[in-house]
C-alpha atoms as a PDB file:
ATOM      1  CA  MET A   1      -0.043   0.151   0.129  1.00  0.00           C
ATOM      2  CA  THR A   2       1.060   3.568  -0.414  1.00  0.00           C
ATOM      3  CA  ASP A   3       0.737   6.666   1.929  1.00  0.00           C
ATOM      4  CA  ASP A   4      -2.600   7.529   0.300  1.00  0.00           C
ATOM      5  CA  VAL A   5      -4.159   4.825   2.936  1.00  0.00           C
ATOM      6  CA  THR A   6      -6.471   6.621   5.081  1.00  0.00           C
ATOM      7  CA  THR A   7      -5.353   7.124   8.540  1.00  0.00           C
ATOM      8  CA  LYS A   8      -7.374   6.452  11.565  1.00  0.00           C
ATOM      9  CA  HIS A   9      -8.301   9.486  13.531  1.00  0.00           C
ATOM     10  CA  ALA A  10      -5.373  10.493  16.202  1.00  0.00           C
ATOM     11  CA  ASP A  11      -5.815  12.666  18.805  1.00  0.00           C
ATOM     12  CA  PRO A  12      -2.236  15.003  18.574  1.00  0.00           C
ATOM     13  CA  ASP A  13      -2.862  15.541  22.601  1.00  0.00           C
ATOM     14  CA  ASP A  14      -3.424  11.807  23.417  1.00  0.00           C
ATOM     15  CA  LEU A  15      -0.163  11.015  21.709  1.00  0.00           C
ATOM     16  CA  ALA A  16       1.843  14.017  23.522  1.00  0.00           C
ATOM     17  CA  ARG A  17       0.314  12.409  26.845  1.00  0.00           C
ATOM     18  CA  ALA A  18       1.340   8.990  26.005  1.00  0.00           C
ATOM     19  CA  LYS A  19       4.841  10.293  25.053  1.00  0.00           C
ATOM     20  CA  ALA A  20       5.152  12.251  28.269  1.00  0.00           C
ATOM     21  CA  VAL A  21       4.151   8.982  30.725  1.00  0.00           C
ATOM     22  CA  LEU A  22       6.613   6.899  28.458  1.00  0.00           C
ATOM     23  CA  LEU A  23       9.371   9.471  28.997  1.00  0.00           C
ATOM     24  CA  GLY A  24       8.618  10.178  32.829  1.00  0.00           C
ATOM     25  CA  ASP A  25       9.409   6.626  33.667  1.00  0.00           C
ATOM     26  CA  ASP A  26      12.626   4.840  32.527  1.00  0.00           C
ATOM     27  CA  GLU A  27      10.566   1.387  33.784  1.00  0.00           C
ATOM     28  CA  LEU A  28       8.021   1.631  30.960  1.00  0.00           C
ATOM     29  CA  GLY A  29       8.279   0.059  27.917  1.00  0.00           C
ATOM     30  CA  CYS A  30       5.198   1.671  26.275  1.00  0.00           C
ATOM     31  CA  ALA A  31       2.311   4.032  27.223  1.00  0.00           C
ATOM     32  CA  ALA A  32      -1.365   4.602  25.325  1.00  0.00           C
ATOM     33  CA  CYS A  33      -3.826   7.175  25.971  1.00  0.00           C
ATOM     34  CA  ARG A  34      -7.392   7.843  24.817  1.00  0.00           C
ATOM     35  CA  THR A  35      -9.273  10.713  25.473  1.00  0.00           C
ATOM     36  CA  ASP A  36     -13.271  10.026  25.731  1.00  0.00           C
ATOM     37  CA  ASP A  37     -15.112  12.514  23.601  1.00  0.00           C
ATOM     38  CA  ALA A  38     -17.884  12.191  25.928  1.00  0.00           C
ATOM     39  CA  THR A  39     -16.504  12.638  29.209  1.00  0.00           C
ATOM     40  CA  GLY A  40     -13.385  14.491  28.511  1.00  0.00           C
ATOM     41  CA  ARG A  41     -11.322  12.103  30.591  1.00  0.00           C
ATOM     42  CA  THR A  42      -8.161  10.390  29.702  1.00  0.00           C
ATOM     43  CA  LEU A  43      -7.454   6.550  29.816  1.00  0.00           C
ATOM     44  CA  THR A  44      -3.960   5.597  30.269  1.00  0.00           C
ATOM     45  CA  LEU A  45      -2.487   2.342  29.985  1.00  0.00           C
ATOM     46  CA  THR A  46       1.227   1.559  30.471  1.00  0.00           C
ATOM     47  CA  GLY A  47       3.284  -1.624  29.927  1.00  0.00           C
ATOM     48  CA  THR A  48       6.225  -2.713  31.423  1.00  0.00           C
ATOM     49  CA  GLY A  49       9.023  -5.159  30.225  1.00  0.00           C
ATOM     50  CA  ARG A  50      11.294  -5.242  27.084  1.00  0.00           C
ATOM     51  CA  GLY A  51      10.255  -5.359  23.381  1.00  0.00           C
ATOM     52  CA  VAL A  52       6.776  -6.649  22.631  1.00  0.00           C
ATOM     53  CA  ARG A  53       6.027  -8.035  25.904  1.00  0.00           C
ATOM     54  CA  PRO A  54       3.671  -5.392  27.064  1.00  0.00           C
ATOM     55  CA  LEU A  55       2.153  -5.847  23.360  1.00  0.00           C
ATOM     56  CA  LEU A  56       1.507  -9.453  23.995  1.00  0.00           C
ATOM     57  CA  GLN A  57       0.272  -8.923  27.269  1.00  0.00           C
ATOM     58  CA  TRP A  58      -2.461  -6.460  26.083  1.00  0.00           C
ATOM     59  CA  LEU A  59      -3.509  -9.021  23.264  1.00  0.00           C
ATOM     60  CA  ALA A  60      -3.799 -12.021  25.851  1.00  0.00           C
ATOM     61  CA  ALA A  61      -5.904 -10.040  28.101  1.00  0.00           C
ATOM     62  CA  GLY A  62      -8.307  -9.033  25.410  1.00  0.00           C
ATOM     63  CA  GLN A  63      -7.199  -5.269  25.390  1.00  0.00           C
ATOM     64  CA  CYS A  64      -8.729  -3.219  22.484  1.00  0.00           C
ATOM     65  CA  LEU A  65      -6.907  -0.257  21.818  1.00  0.00           C
ATOM     66  CA  ASP A  66      -9.236   1.388  19.095  1.00  0.00           C
ATOM     67  CA  GLY A  67      -8.601   5.230  19.114  1.00  0.00           C
ATOM     68  CA  PHE A  68      -5.650   5.187  21.444  1.00  0.00           C
ATOM     69  CA  SER A  69      -2.156   7.008  20.552  1.00  0.00           C
ATOM     70  CA  ALA A  70       0.881   4.984  21.825  1.00  0.00           C
ATOM     71  CA  ALA A  71       4.495   5.747  22.377  1.00  0.00           C
ATOM     72  CA  ASP A  72       6.986   3.041  22.835  1.00  0.00           C
ATOM     73  CA  ARG A  73      10.643   2.742  23.169  1.00  0.00           C
ATOM     74  CA  VAL A  74      11.416   0.409  20.031  1.00  0.00           C
ATOM     75  CA  VAL A  75       9.150  -0.436  17.148  1.00  0.00           C
ATOM     76  CA  GLY A  76      10.208  -2.595  14.323  1.00  0.00           C
ATOM     77  CA  LYS A  77       7.730  -4.405  12.010  1.00  0.00           C
ATOM     78  CA  GLY A  78       6.681  -6.803  14.615  1.00  0.00           C
ATOM     79  CA  ALA A  79       5.797  -4.285  17.216  1.00  0.00           C
ATOM     80  CA  ALA A  80       3.975  -2.372  14.457  1.00  0.00           C
ATOM     81  CA  LEU A  81       1.977  -5.065  13.325  1.00  0.00           C
ATOM     82  CA  LEU A  82       0.988  -5.872  17.010  1.00  0.00           C
ATOM     83  CA  TYR A  83      -0.233  -2.146  17.332  1.00  0.00           C
ATOM     84  CA  ALA A  84      -2.200  -2.777  14.262  1.00  0.00           C
ATOM     85  CA  LYS A  85      -3.779  -5.625  15.779  1.00  0.00           C
ATOM     86  CA  LEU A  86      -4.489  -3.948  18.640  1.00  0.00           C
ATOM     87  CA  GLY A  87      -6.411  -0.915  16.650  1.00  0.00           C
ATOM     88  CA  VAL A  88      -4.413   2.055  17.560  1.00  0.00           C
ATOM     89  CA  ALA A  89      -4.740   5.205  15.788  1.00  0.00           C
ATOM     90  CA  ALA A  90      -1.049   6.300  16.345  1.00  0.00           C
ATOM     91  CA  VAL A  91       2.345   5.359  17.448  1.00  0.00           C
ATOM     92  CA  TYR A  92       5.303   7.341  18.320  1.00  0.00           C
ATOM     93  CA  ALA A  93       8.641   5.230  18.774  1.00  0.00           C
ATOM     94  CA  GLN A  94      11.859   6.614  20.334  1.00  0.00           C
ATOM     95  CA  THR A  95      13.570   4.441  17.480  1.00  0.00           C
ATOM     96  CA  MET A  96      11.798   2.821  14.703  1.00  0.00           C
ATOM     97  CA  SER A  97      12.792   0.460  11.816  1.00  0.00           C
ATOM     98  CA  GLU A  98      11.964   1.492   8.387  1.00  0.00           C
ATOM     99  CA  ALA A  99       9.791  -1.744   8.351  1.00  0.00           C
ATOM    100  CA  GLY A 100       7.961  -0.642  11.353  1.00  0.00           C
ATOM    101  CA  LEU A 101       6.971   2.853   9.853  1.00  0.00           C
ATOM    102  CA  ALA A 102       6.065   0.987   6.567  1.00  0.00           C
ATOM    103  CA  THR A 103       4.081  -1.433   8.471  1.00  0.00           C
ATOM    104  CA  LEU A 104       2.274   1.351  10.465  1.00  0.00           C
ATOM    105  CA  ARG A 105       1.555   3.560   7.479  1.00  0.00           C
ATOM    106  CA  ALA A 106       0.243   0.580   5.330  1.00  0.00           C
ATOM    107  CA  ASN A 107      -2.441   0.085   8.330  1.00  0.00           C
ATOM    108  CA  GLY A 108      -3.280   3.511   8.411  1.00  0.00           C
ATOM    109  CA  ILE A 109      -1.691   4.439  11.640  1.00  0.00           C
ATOM    110  CA  ALA A 110      -0.001   8.012  12.235  1.00  0.00           C
ATOM    111  CA  ALA A 111       3.510   7.403  12.905  1.00  0.00           C
ATOM    112  CA  GLY A 112       6.231   9.178  14.369  1.00  0.00           C
ATOM    113  CA  TYR A 113      10.010   8.666  15.718  1.00  0.00           C
ATOM    114  CA  GLY A 114      12.867  10.189  17.296  1.00  0.00           C
ATOM    115  CA  THR A 115      15.444   8.136  15.306  1.00  0.00           C
ATOM    116  CA  LEU A 116      14.613   6.125  11.983  1.00  0.00           C
ATOM    117  CA  VAL A 117      16.971   3.391  11.337  1.00  0.00           C
ATOM    118  CA  PRO A 118      17.535   0.582   8.687  1.00  0.00           C
ATOM    119  CA  MET A 119      16.209  -2.378  11.160  1.00  0.00           C
ATOM    120  CA  ILE A 120      16.092  -3.247  14.549  1.00  0.00           C
ATOM    121  CA  LEU A 121      19.135  -4.754  15.875  1.00  0.00           C
ATOM    122  CA  ASN A 122      19.106  -7.989  18.188  1.00  0.00           C
ATOM    123  CA  ARG A 123      20.639  -7.494  21.680  1.00  0.00           C
ATOM    124  CA  ALA A 124      24.143  -8.150  20.850  1.00  0.00           C
ATOM    125  CA  GLY A 125      23.881  -5.728  17.953  1.00  0.00           C
ATOM    126  CA  ASP A 126      25.279  -8.100  15.272  1.00  0.00           C
ATOM    127  CA  GLY A 127      22.023  -8.945  13.295  1.00  0.00           C
ATOM    128  CA  MET A 128      18.580  -8.230  13.115  1.00  0.00           C
ATOM    129  CA  CYS A 129      16.112  -8.721  15.946  1.00  0.00           C
ATOM    130  CA  PRO A 130      14.570 -11.844  16.091  1.00  0.00           C
ATOM    131  CA  ILE A 131      11.100 -10.351  16.475  1.00  0.00           C
ATOM    132  CA  GLU A 132      11.534  -8.378  13.364  1.00  0.00           C
ATOM    133  CA  ARG A 133      12.942 -11.267  11.562  1.00  0.00           C
ATOM    134  CA  SER A 134      10.065 -13.456  12.611  1.00  0.00           C
ATOM    135  CA  VAL A 135       7.634 -11.040  10.885  1.00  0.00           C
ATOM    136  CA  ALA A 136       9.713 -10.012   7.745  1.00  0.00           C
ATOM    137  CA  ALA A 137       7.534 -11.962   5.332  1.00  0.00           C
ATOM    138  CA  ILE A 138       4.158 -11.237   7.043  1.00  0.00           C
ATOM    139  CA  ASP A 139       1.983  -8.483   6.541  1.00  0.00           C
ATOM    140  CA  SER A 140      -1.100  -9.568   8.245  1.00  0.00           C
ATOM    141  CA  PRO A 141      -1.710  -8.340  11.971  1.00  0.00           C
ATOM    142  CA  ALA A 142      -3.465 -11.536  12.437  1.00  0.00           C
ATOM    143  CA  ALA A 143      -0.687 -13.811  11.209  1.00  0.00           C
ATOM    144  CA  ALA A 144       1.839 -11.822  12.849  1.00  0.00           C
ATOM    145  CA  GLU A 145       1.017 -12.675  16.725  1.00  0.00           C
ATOM    146  CA  PRO A 146       1.776 -16.367  16.247  1.00  0.00           C
ATOM    147  CA  ALA A 147       4.917 -16.229  14.592  1.00  0.00           C
ATOM    148  CA  ILE A 148       5.711 -13.647  17.230  1.00  0.00           C
ATOM    149  CA  ARG A 149       4.788 -15.608  20.110  1.00  0.00           C
ATOM    150  CA  ALA A 150       6.723 -18.500  18.612  1.00  0.00           C
ATOM    151  CA  ALA A 151       9.993 -16.501  18.222  1.00  0.00           C
ATOM    152  CA  VAL A 152       9.279 -15.232  21.824  1.00  0.00           C
ATOM    153  CA  ALA A 153       9.323 -18.706  23.036  1.00  0.00           C
ATOM    154  CA  GLU A 154      12.413 -19.743  21.281  1.00  0.00           C
ATOM    155  CA  LEU A 155      14.139 -16.975  22.943  1.00  0.00           C
ATOM    156  CA  MET A 156      13.125 -18.234  26.147  1.00  0.00           C
ATOM    157  CA  ARG A 157      14.566 -21.446  25.786  1.00  0.00           C
ATOM    158  CA  ARG A 158      17.999 -20.139  24.917  1.00  0.00           C
END
């Protein structure tokens, strides 16, 4: 898909709030905010842990993030596909891969970043992140979750 994809409605104030929550607590991996139009109250969700762990936890809990704006430390293609499955309207990442950016845009999700990198590296810094590699040939958010969970299970066995 190209950049002419309709982007979901993203509230810039919600994205600014999510960024502020994330940057205000080094323990957080991600934060998501949505302001209820009827009440004006903002719902804020936070996730701890590295990588895609918080996103997988939200999915396992049946959490729906329709209309939320999210801020994350690192977003590669795997995280982008999980955010699409969760239904977010916007994602900001301190570091985002080119594939993550393209995936968000292809799914109509507004995207912003601090640093754009060719790919997310593994923890050793000598190759592609195993989560990003697990979805390299996957473009469907529904198909991504099982592939990512299998990659996480493999990493846990090491």
